[in-house]
Amino acid sequence: VSCISAGDGNTDYADSVKGRFTISRDDAKNTVY
């Protein structure tokens, strides 16, 4: 569905969800959304 890289936080999405889904991370909380 989606991917977020370590460090620079680059994101990638499947075509089916582009524009609708957003991946993010909060490293302080050790959590990805």
PDB file of all heavy atoms in Angstrom:
ATOM      1  N   VAL A   1       0.824  -1.202   0.000  1.00  0.00           N
ATOM      2  CA  VAL A   1       0.000   0.000   0.000  1.00  0.00           C
ATOM      3  C   VAL A   1       0.860   1.255   0.000  1.00  0.00           C
ATOM      4  O   VAL A   1       0.652   2.168  -0.804  1.00  0.00           O
ATOM      5  CB  VAL A   1      -0.957   0.010   1.204  1.00  0.00           C
ATOM      6  CG1 VAL A   1      -1.736   1.320   1.264  1.00  0.00           C
ATOM      7  CG2 VAL A   1      -1.902  -1.177   1.137  1.00  0.00           C
ATOM      8  N   SER A   2       1.803   1.309   0.916  1.00  0.00           N
ATOM      9  CA  SER A   2       2.626   2.492   1.059  1.00  0.00           C
ATOM     10  C   SER A   2       3.907   2.142   1.787  1.00  0.00           C
ATOM     11  O   SER A   2       3.988   1.123   2.478  1.00  0.00           O
ATOM     12  CB  SER A   2       1.857   3.577   1.825  1.00  0.00           C
ATOM     13  OG  SER A   2       2.582   4.788   1.885  1.00  0.00           O
ATOM     14  N   CYS A   3       4.892   3.001   1.635  1.00  0.00           N
ATOM     15  CA  CYS A   3       6.188   2.789   2.272  1.00  0.00           C
ATOM     16  C   CYS A   3       6.784   4.129   2.640  1.00  0.00           C
ATOM     17  O   CYS A   3       6.655   5.104   1.889  1.00  0.00           O
ATOM     18  CB  CYS A   3       7.124   2.033   1.332  1.00  0.00           C
ATOM     19  SG  CYS A   3       8.801   1.771   1.959  1.00  0.00           S
ATOM     20  N   ILE A   4       7.439   4.174   3.772  1.00  0.00           N
ATOM     21  CA  ILE A   4       8.184   5.359   4.165  1.00  0.00           C
ATOM     22  C   ILE A   4       9.586   4.925   4.559  1.00  0.00           C
ATOM     23  O   ILE A   4       9.766   3.976   5.318  1.00  0.00           O
ATOM     24  CB  ILE A   4       7.468   6.128   5.300  1.00  0.00           C
ATOM     25  CG1 ILE A   4       8.201   7.437   5.597  1.00  0.00           C
ATOM     26  CG2 ILE A   4       7.329   5.273   6.556  1.00  0.00           C
ATOM     27  CD1 ILE A   4       7.377   8.404   6.445  1.00  0.00           C
ATOM     28  N   SER A   5      10.577   5.609   4.032  1.00  0.00           N
ATOM     29  CA  SER A   5      11.956   5.215   4.258  1.00  0.00           C
ATOM     30  C   SER A   5      12.480   5.754   5.580  1.00  0.00           C
ATOM     31  O   SER A   5      11.932   6.693   6.166  1.00  0.00           O
ATOM     32  CB  SER A   5      12.846   5.698   3.105  1.00  0.00           C
ATOM     33  OG  SER A   5      12.907   7.114   3.070  1.00  0.00           O
ATOM     34  N   ALA A   6      13.549   5.137   6.038  1.00  0.00           N
ATOM     35  CA  ALA A   6      14.263   5.668   7.195  1.00  0.00           C
ATOM     36  C   ALA A   6      15.032   6.913   6.789  1.00  0.00           C
ATOM     37  O   ALA A   6      15.318   7.149   5.615  1.00  0.00           O
ATOM     38  CB  ALA A   6      15.216   4.610   7.749  1.00  0.00           C
ATOM     39  N   GLY A   7      15.370   7.723   7.752  1.00  0.00           N
ATOM     40  CA  GLY A   7      16.197   8.894   7.502  1.00  0.00           C
ATOM     41  C   GLY A   7      15.449  10.033   6.839  1.00  0.00           C
ATOM     42  O   GLY A   7      14.890  10.904   7.512  1.00  0.00           O
ATOM     43  N   ASP A   8      15.448  10.033   5.501  1.00  0.00           N
ATOM     44  CA  ASP A   8      14.842  11.149   4.781  1.00  0.00           C
ATOM     45  C   ASP A   8      13.329  11.079   4.711  1.00  0.00           C
ATOM     46  O   ASP A   8      12.687  12.056   4.323  1.00  0.00           O
ATOM     47  CB  ASP A   8      15.427  11.274   3.375  1.00  0.00           C
ATOM     48  CG  ASP A   8      15.262  10.030   2.530  1.00  0.00           C
ATOM     49  OD1 ASP A   8      14.488   9.133   2.919  1.00  0.00           O
ATOM     50  OD2 ASP A   8      15.915   9.947   1.469  1.00  0.00           O
ATOM     51  N   GLY A   9      12.756   9.939   5.057  1.00  0.00           N
ATOM     52  CA  GLY A   9      11.315   9.820   5.101  1.00  0.00           C
ATOM     53  C   GLY A   9      10.626   9.885   3.751  1.00  0.00           C
ATOM     54  O   GLY A   9       9.468  10.319   3.668  1.00  0.00           O
ATOM     55  N   ASN A  10      11.304   9.468   2.694  1.00  0.00           N
ATOM     56  CA  ASN A  10      10.661   9.407   1.390  1.00  0.00           C
ATOM     57  C   ASN A  10       9.491   8.441   1.424  1.00  0.00           C
ATOM     58  O   ASN A  10       9.544   7.406   2.104  1.00  0.00           O
ATOM     59  CB  ASN A  10      11.649   8.963   0.316  1.00  0.00           C
ATOM     60  CG  ASN A  10      12.632  10.047  -0.052  1.00  0.00           C
ATOM     61  OD1 ASN A  10      12.409  11.226   0.211  1.00  0.00           O
ATOM     62  ND2 ASN A  10      13.735   9.655  -0.664  1.00  0.00           N
ATOM     63  N   THR A  11       8.452   8.774   0.692  1.00  0.00           N
ATOM     64  CA  THR A  11       7.243   7.968   0.701  1.00  0.00           C
ATOM     65  C   THR A  11       6.915   7.443  -0.683  1.00  0.00           C
ATOM     66  O   THR A  11       7.306   8.025  -1.702  1.00  0.00           O
ATOM     67  CB  THR A  11       6.046   8.769   1.232  1.00  0.00           C
ATOM     68  OG1 THR A  11       5.843   9.931   0.412  1.00  0.00           O
ATOM     69  CG2 THR A  11       6.299   9.219   2.665  1.00  0.00           C
ATOM     70  N   ASP A  12       6.185   6.354  -0.694  1.00  0.00           N
ATOM     71  CA  ASP A  12       5.760   5.730  -1.930  1.00  0.00           C
ATOM     72  C   ASP A  12       4.376   5.149  -1.701  1.00  0.00           C
ATOM     73  O   ASP A  12       4.054   4.717  -0.592  1.00  0.00           O
ATOM     74  CB  ASP A  12       6.743   4.638  -2.345  1.00  0.00           C
ATOM     75  CG  ASP A  12       6.549   4.181  -3.779  1.00  0.00           C
ATOM     76  OD1 ASP A  12       5.898   4.897  -4.557  1.00  0.00           O
ATOM     77  OD2 ASP A  12       7.062   3.097  -4.121  1.00  0.00           O
ATOM     78  N   TYR A  13       3.559   5.144  -2.756  1.00  0.00           N
ATOM     79  CA  TYR A  13       2.192   4.682  -2.640  1.00  0.00           C
ATOM     80  C   TYR A  13       1.807   3.828  -3.833  1.00  0.00           C
ATOM     81  O   TYR A  13       2.262   4.062  -4.954  1.00  0.00           O
ATOM     82  CB  TYR A  13       1.213   5.858  -2.565  1.00  0.00           C
ATOM     83  CG  TYR A  13       1.455   6.782  -1.401  1.00  0.00           C
ATOM     84  CD1 TYR A  13       2.282   7.887  -1.534  1.00  0.00           C
ATOM     85  CD2 TYR A  13       0.848   6.548  -0.174  1.00  0.00           C
ATOM     86  CE1 TYR A  13       2.504   8.733  -0.460  1.00  0.00           C
ATOM     87  CE2 TYR A  13       1.068   7.388   0.895  1.00  0.00           C
ATOM     88  CZ  TYR A  13       1.896   8.482   0.749  1.00  0.00           C
ATOM     89  OH  TYR A  13       2.116   9.323   1.815  1.00  0.00           O
ATOM     90  N   ALA A  14       0.964   2.863  -3.565  1.00  0.00           N
ATOM     91  CA  ALA A  14       0.354   2.131  -4.654  1.00  0.00           C
ATOM     92  C   ALA A  14      -0.557   3.068  -5.434  1.00  0.00           C
ATOM     93  O   ALA A  14      -1.153   3.993  -4.875  1.00  0.00           O
ATOM     94  CB  ALA A  14      -0.445   0.948  -4.114  1.00  0.00           C
ATOM     95  N   ASP A  15      -0.658   2.834  -6.729  1.00  0.00           N
ATOM     96  CA  ASP A  15      -1.491   3.694  -7.564  1.00  0.00           C
ATOM     97  C   ASP A  15      -2.930   3.766  -7.060  1.00  0.00           C
ATOM     98  O   ASP A  15      -3.581   4.807  -7.172  1.00  0.00           O
ATOM     99  CB  ASP A  15      -1.480   3.204  -9.009  1.00  0.00           C
ATOM    100  CG  ASP A  15      -0.159   3.448  -9.707  1.00  0.00           C
ATOM    101  OD1 ASP A  15       0.623   4.299  -9.230  1.00  0.00           O
ATOM    102  OD2 ASP A  15       0.091   2.803 -10.739  1.00  0.00           O
ATOM    103  N   SER A  16      -3.404   2.683  -6.503  1.00  0.00           N
ATOM    104  CA  SER A  16      -4.787   2.612  -6.074  1.00  0.00           C
ATOM    105  C   SER A  16      -5.107   3.525  -4.894  1.00  0.00           C
ATOM    106  O   SER A  16      -6.279   3.811  -4.640  1.00  0.00           O
ATOM    107  CB  SER A  16      -5.161   1.172  -5.718  1.00  0.00           C
ATOM    108  OG  SER A  16      -4.335   0.677  -4.677  1.00  0.00           O
ATOM    109  N   VAL A  17      -4.086   3.981  -4.183  1.00  0.00           N
ATOM    110  CA  VAL A  17      -4.327   4.809  -3.001  1.00  0.00           C
ATOM    111  C   VAL A  17      -3.705   6.186  -3.099  1.00  0.00           C
ATOM    112  O   VAL A  17      -3.892   7.008  -2.190  1.00  0.00           O
ATOM    113  CB  VAL A  17      -3.829   4.116  -1.713  1.00  0.00           C
ATOM    114  CG1 VAL A  17      -4.434   2.726  -1.586  1.00  0.00           C
ATOM    115  CG2 VAL A  17      -2.306   4.057  -1.670  1.00  0.00           C
ATOM    116  N   LYS A  18      -2.998   6.477  -4.169  1.00  0.00           N
ATOM    117  CA  LYS A  18      -2.371   7.784  -4.320  1.00  0.00           C
ATOM    118  C   LYS A  18      -3.409   8.891  -4.262  1.00  0.00           C
ATOM    119  O   LYS A  18      -4.458   8.815  -4.878  1.00  0.00           O
ATOM    120  CB  LYS A  18      -1.608   7.855  -5.643  1.00  0.00           C
ATOM    121  CG  LYS A  18      -0.297   7.101  -5.650  1.00  0.00           C
ATOM    122  CD  LYS A  18       0.417   7.236  -6.984  1.00  0.00           C
ATOM    123  CE  LYS A  18       1.742   6.487  -6.983  1.00  0.00           C
ATOM    124  NZ  LYS A  18       2.415   6.540  -8.297  1.00  0.00           N
ATOM    125  N   GLY A  19      -3.079   9.913  -3.510  1.00  0.00           N
ATOM    126  CA  GLY A  19      -3.988  11.038  -3.351  1.00  0.00           C
ATOM    127  C   GLY A  19      -5.008  10.853  -2.259  1.00  0.00           C
ATOM    128  O   GLY A  19      -5.693  11.822  -1.890  1.00  0.00           O
ATOM    129  N   ARG A  20      -5.134   9.643  -1.745  1.00  0.00           N
ATOM    130  CA  ARG A  20      -6.109   9.363  -0.694  1.00  0.00           C
ATOM    131  C   ARG A  20      -5.449   8.969   0.622  1.00  0.00           C
ATOM    132  O   ARG A  20      -5.965   9.298   1.691  1.00  0.00           O
ATOM    133  CB  ARG A  20      -7.064   8.255  -1.123  1.00  0.00           C
ATOM    134  CG  ARG A  20      -7.869   8.589  -2.375  1.00  0.00           C
ATOM    135  CD  ARG A  20      -8.944   7.541  -2.638  1.00  0.00           C
ATOM    136  NE  ARG A  20      -8.368   6.227  -2.893  1.00  0.00           N
ATOM    137  CZ  ARG A  20      -8.595   5.148  -2.144  1.00  0.00           C
ATOM    138  NH1 ARG A  20      -9.389   5.227  -1.086  1.00  0.00           N
ATOM    139  NH2 ARG A  20      -8.036   3.986  -2.460  1.00  0.00           N
ATOM    140  N   PHE A  21      -4.339   8.260   0.545  1.00  0.00           N
ATOM    141  CA  PHE A  21      -3.648   7.783   1.741  1.00  0.00           C
ATOM    142  C   PHE A  21      -2.361   8.574   1.949  1.00  0.00           C
ATOM    143  O   PHE A  21      -1.705   8.985   0.983  1.00  0.00           O
ATOM    144  CB  PHE A  21      -3.287   6.306   1.620  1.00  0.00           C
ATOM    145  CG  PHE A  21      -4.454   5.359   1.651  1.00  0.00           C
ATOM    146  CD1 PHE A  21      -5.759   5.806   1.581  1.00  0.00           C
ATOM    147  CD2 PHE A  21      -4.220   3.998   1.755  1.00  0.00           C
ATOM    148  CE1 PHE A  21      -6.829   4.928   1.609  1.00  0.00           C
ATOM    149  CE2 PHE A  21      -5.272   3.103   1.787  1.00  0.00           C
ATOM    150  CZ  PHE A  21      -6.573   3.565   1.713  1.00  0.00           C
ATOM    151  N   THR A  22      -1.997   8.758   3.204  1.00  0.00           N
ATOM    152  CA  THR A  22      -0.757   9.428   3.549  1.00  0.00           C
ATOM    153  C   THR A  22      -0.045   8.648   4.642  1.00  0.00           C
ATOM    154  O   THR A  22      -0.622   8.393   5.700  1.00  0.00           O
ATOM    155  CB  THR A  22      -0.999  10.864   4.034  1.00  0.00           C
ATOM    156  OG1 THR A  22      -1.692  11.610   3.025  1.00  0.00           O
ATOM    157  CG2 THR A  22       0.330  11.553   4.329  1.00  0.00           C
ATOM    158  N   ILE A  23       1.192   8.285   4.381  1.00  0.00           N
ATOM    159  CA  ILE A  23       1.997   7.608   5.382  1.00  0.00           C
ATOM    160  C   ILE A  23       2.908   8.629   6.056  1.00  0.00           C
ATOM    161  O   ILE A  23       3.408   9.553   5.417  1.00  0.00           O
ATOM    162  CB  ILE A  23       2.815   6.456   4.751  1.00  0.00           C
ATOM    163  CG1 ILE A  23       3.467   5.590   5.835  1.00  0.00           C
ATOM    164  CG2 ILE A  23       3.855   6.980   3.770  1.00  0.00           C
ATOM    165  CD1 ILE A  23       4.082   4.303   5.291  1.00  0.00           C
ATOM    166  N   SER A  24       3.096   8.475   7.341  1.00  0.00           N
ATOM    167  CA  SER A  24       3.958   9.380   8.088  1.00  0.00           C
ATOM    168  C   SER A  24       4.564   8.627   9.253  1.00  0.00           C
ATOM    169  O   SER A  24       4.153   7.512   9.575  1.00  0.00           O
ATOM    170  CB  SER A  24       3.175  10.606   8.578  1.00  0.00           C
ATOM    171  OG  SER A  24       2.137  10.220   9.471  1.00  0.00           O
ATOM    172  N   ARG A  25       5.547   9.242   9.867  1.00  0.00           N
ATOM    173  CA  ARG A  25       6.159   8.603  11.025  1.00  0.00           C
ATOM    174  C   ARG A  25       6.472   9.621  12.091  1.00  0.00           C
ATOM    175  O   ARG A  25       6.787  10.784  11.807  1.00  0.00           O
ATOM    176  CB  ARG A  25       7.406   7.812  10.613  1.00  0.00           C
ATOM    177  CG  ARG A  25       8.574   8.624  10.070  1.00  0.00           C
ATOM    178  CD  ARG A  25       9.594   7.719   9.365  1.00  0.00           C
ATOM    179  NE  ARG A  25       9.978   6.584  10.191  1.00  0.00           N
ATOM    180  CZ  ARG A  25      10.531   5.467   9.725  1.00  0.00           C
ATOM    181  NH1 ARG A  25      10.760   5.325   8.425  1.00  0.00           N
ATOM    182  NH2 ARG A  25      10.852   4.483  10.557  1.00  0.00           N
ATOM    183  N   ASP A  26       6.374   9.184  13.322  1.00  0.00           N
ATOM    184  CA  ASP A  26       6.752   9.966  14.482  1.00  0.00           C
ATOM    185  C   ASP A  26       7.803   9.143  15.212  1.00  0.00           C
ATOM    186  O   ASP A  26       7.479   8.256  16.001  1.00  0.00           O
ATOM    187  CB  ASP A  26       5.543  10.251  15.374  1.00  0.00           C
ATOM    188  CG  ASP A  26       5.869  11.194  16.511  1.00  0.00           C
ATOM    189  OD1 ASP A  26       7.051  11.327  16.879  1.00  0.00           O
ATOM    190  OD2 ASP A  26       4.925  11.819  17.043  1.00  0.00           O
ATOM    191  N   ASP A  27       9.054   9.440  14.924  1.00  0.00           N
ATOM    192  CA  ASP A  27      10.133   8.631  15.477  1.00  0.00           C
ATOM    193  C   ASP A  27      10.210   8.726  16.997  1.00  0.00           C
ATOM    194  O   ASP A  27      10.628   7.774  17.655  1.00  0.00           O
ATOM    195  CB  ASP A  27      11.467   9.041  14.850  1.00  0.00           C
ATOM    196  CG  ASP A  27      11.578   8.653  13.394  1.00  0.00           C
ATOM    197  OD1 ASP A  27      10.863   7.718  12.970  1.00  0.00           O
ATOM    198  OD2 ASP A  27      12.381   9.272  12.663  1.00  0.00           O
ATOM    199  N   ALA A  28       9.824   9.871  17.548  1.00  0.00           N
ATOM    200  CA  ALA A  28       9.831  10.023  18.994  1.00  0.00           C
ATOM    201  C   ALA A  28       8.862   9.053  19.658  1.00  0.00           C
ATOM    202  O   ALA A  28       9.071   8.641  20.798  1.00  0.00           O
ATOM    203  CB  ALA A  28       9.497  11.454  19.383  1.00  0.00           C
ATOM    204  N   LYS A  29       7.797   8.711  18.948  1.00  0.00           N
ATOM    205  CA  LYS A  29       6.812   7.768  19.462  1.00  0.00           C
ATOM    206  C   LYS A  29       7.026   6.357  18.944  1.00  0.00           C
ATOM    207  O   LYS A  29       6.248   5.452  19.273  1.00  0.00           O
ATOM    208  CB  LYS A  29       5.401   8.233  19.108  1.00  0.00           C
ATOM    209  CG  LYS A  29       4.995   9.536  19.769  1.00  0.00           C
ATOM    210  CD  LYS A  29       3.572   9.912  19.414  1.00  0.00           C
ATOM    211  CE  LYS A  29       3.153  11.189  20.118  1.00  0.00           C
ATOM    212  NZ  LYS A  29       1.762  11.579  19.776  1.00  0.00           N
ATOM    213  N   ASN A  30       8.058   6.179  18.118  1.00  0.00           N
ATOM    214  CA  ASN A  30       8.358   4.867  17.557  1.00  0.00           C
ATOM    215  C   ASN A  30       7.145   4.303  16.815  1.00  0.00           C
ATOM    216  O   ASN A  30       6.835   3.114  16.904  1.00  0.00           O
ATOM    217  CB  ASN A  30       8.794   3.891  18.666  1.00  0.00           C
ATOM    218  CG  ASN A  30       9.983   3.036  18.274  1.00  0.00           C
ATOM    219  OD1 ASN A  30      10.777   3.397  17.404  1.00  0.00           O
ATOM    220  ND2 ASN A  30      10.116   1.885  18.923  1.00  0.00           N
ATOM    221  N   THR A  31       6.491   5.179  16.065  1.00  0.00           N
ATOM    222  CA  THR A  31       5.222   4.841  15.444  1.00  0.00           C
ATOM    223  C   THR A  31       5.157   5.367  14.018  1.00  0.00           C
ATOM    224  O   THR A  31       5.663   6.449  13.720  1.00  0.00           O
ATOM    225  CB  THR A  31       4.056   5.422  16.263  1.00  0.00           C
ATOM    226  OG1 THR A  31       4.089   4.875  17.584  1.00  0.00           O
ATOM    227  CG2 THR A  31       2.719   5.084  15.625  1.00  0.00           C
ATOM    228  N   VAL A  32       4.526   4.588  13.159  1.00  0.00           N
ATOM    229  CA  VAL A  32       4.225   4.987  11.789  1.00  0.00           C
ATOM    230  C   VAL A  32       2.716   4.977  11.622  1.00  0.00           C
ATOM    231  O   VAL A  32       2.027   4.115  12.171  1.00  0.00           O
ATOM    232  CB  VAL A  32       4.912   4.055  10.778  1.00  0.00           C
ATOM    233  CG1 VAL A  32       4.379   4.292   9.366  1.00  0.00           C
ATOM    234  CG2 VAL A  32       6.414   4.275  10.801  1.00  0.00           C
ATOM    235  N   TYR A  33       2.222   5.922  10.846  1.00  0.00           N
ATOM    236  CA  TYR A  33       0.792   6.069  10.655  1.00  0.00           C
ATOM    237  C   TYR A  33       0.418   5.920   9.186  1.00  0.00           C
ATOM    238  O   TYR A  33       1.227   6.140   8.286  1.00  0.00           O
ATOM    239  CB  TYR A  33       0.320   7.442  11.130  1.00  0.00           C
ATOM    240  CG  TYR A  33       0.673   7.749  12.561  1.00  0.00           C
ATOM    241  CD1 TYR A  33       1.815   8.483  12.865  1.00  0.00           C
ATOM    242  CD2 TYR A  33      -0.127   7.299  13.603  1.00  0.00           C
ATOM    243  CE1 TYR A  33       2.145   8.767  14.178  1.00  0.00           C
ATOM    244  CE2 TYR A  33       0.198   7.577  14.915  1.00  0.00           C
ATOM    245  CZ  TYR A  33       1.336   8.312  15.201  1.00  0.00           C
ATOM    246  OH  TYR A  33       1.657   8.588  16.505  1.00  0.00           O
TER     247      TYR A  33
END
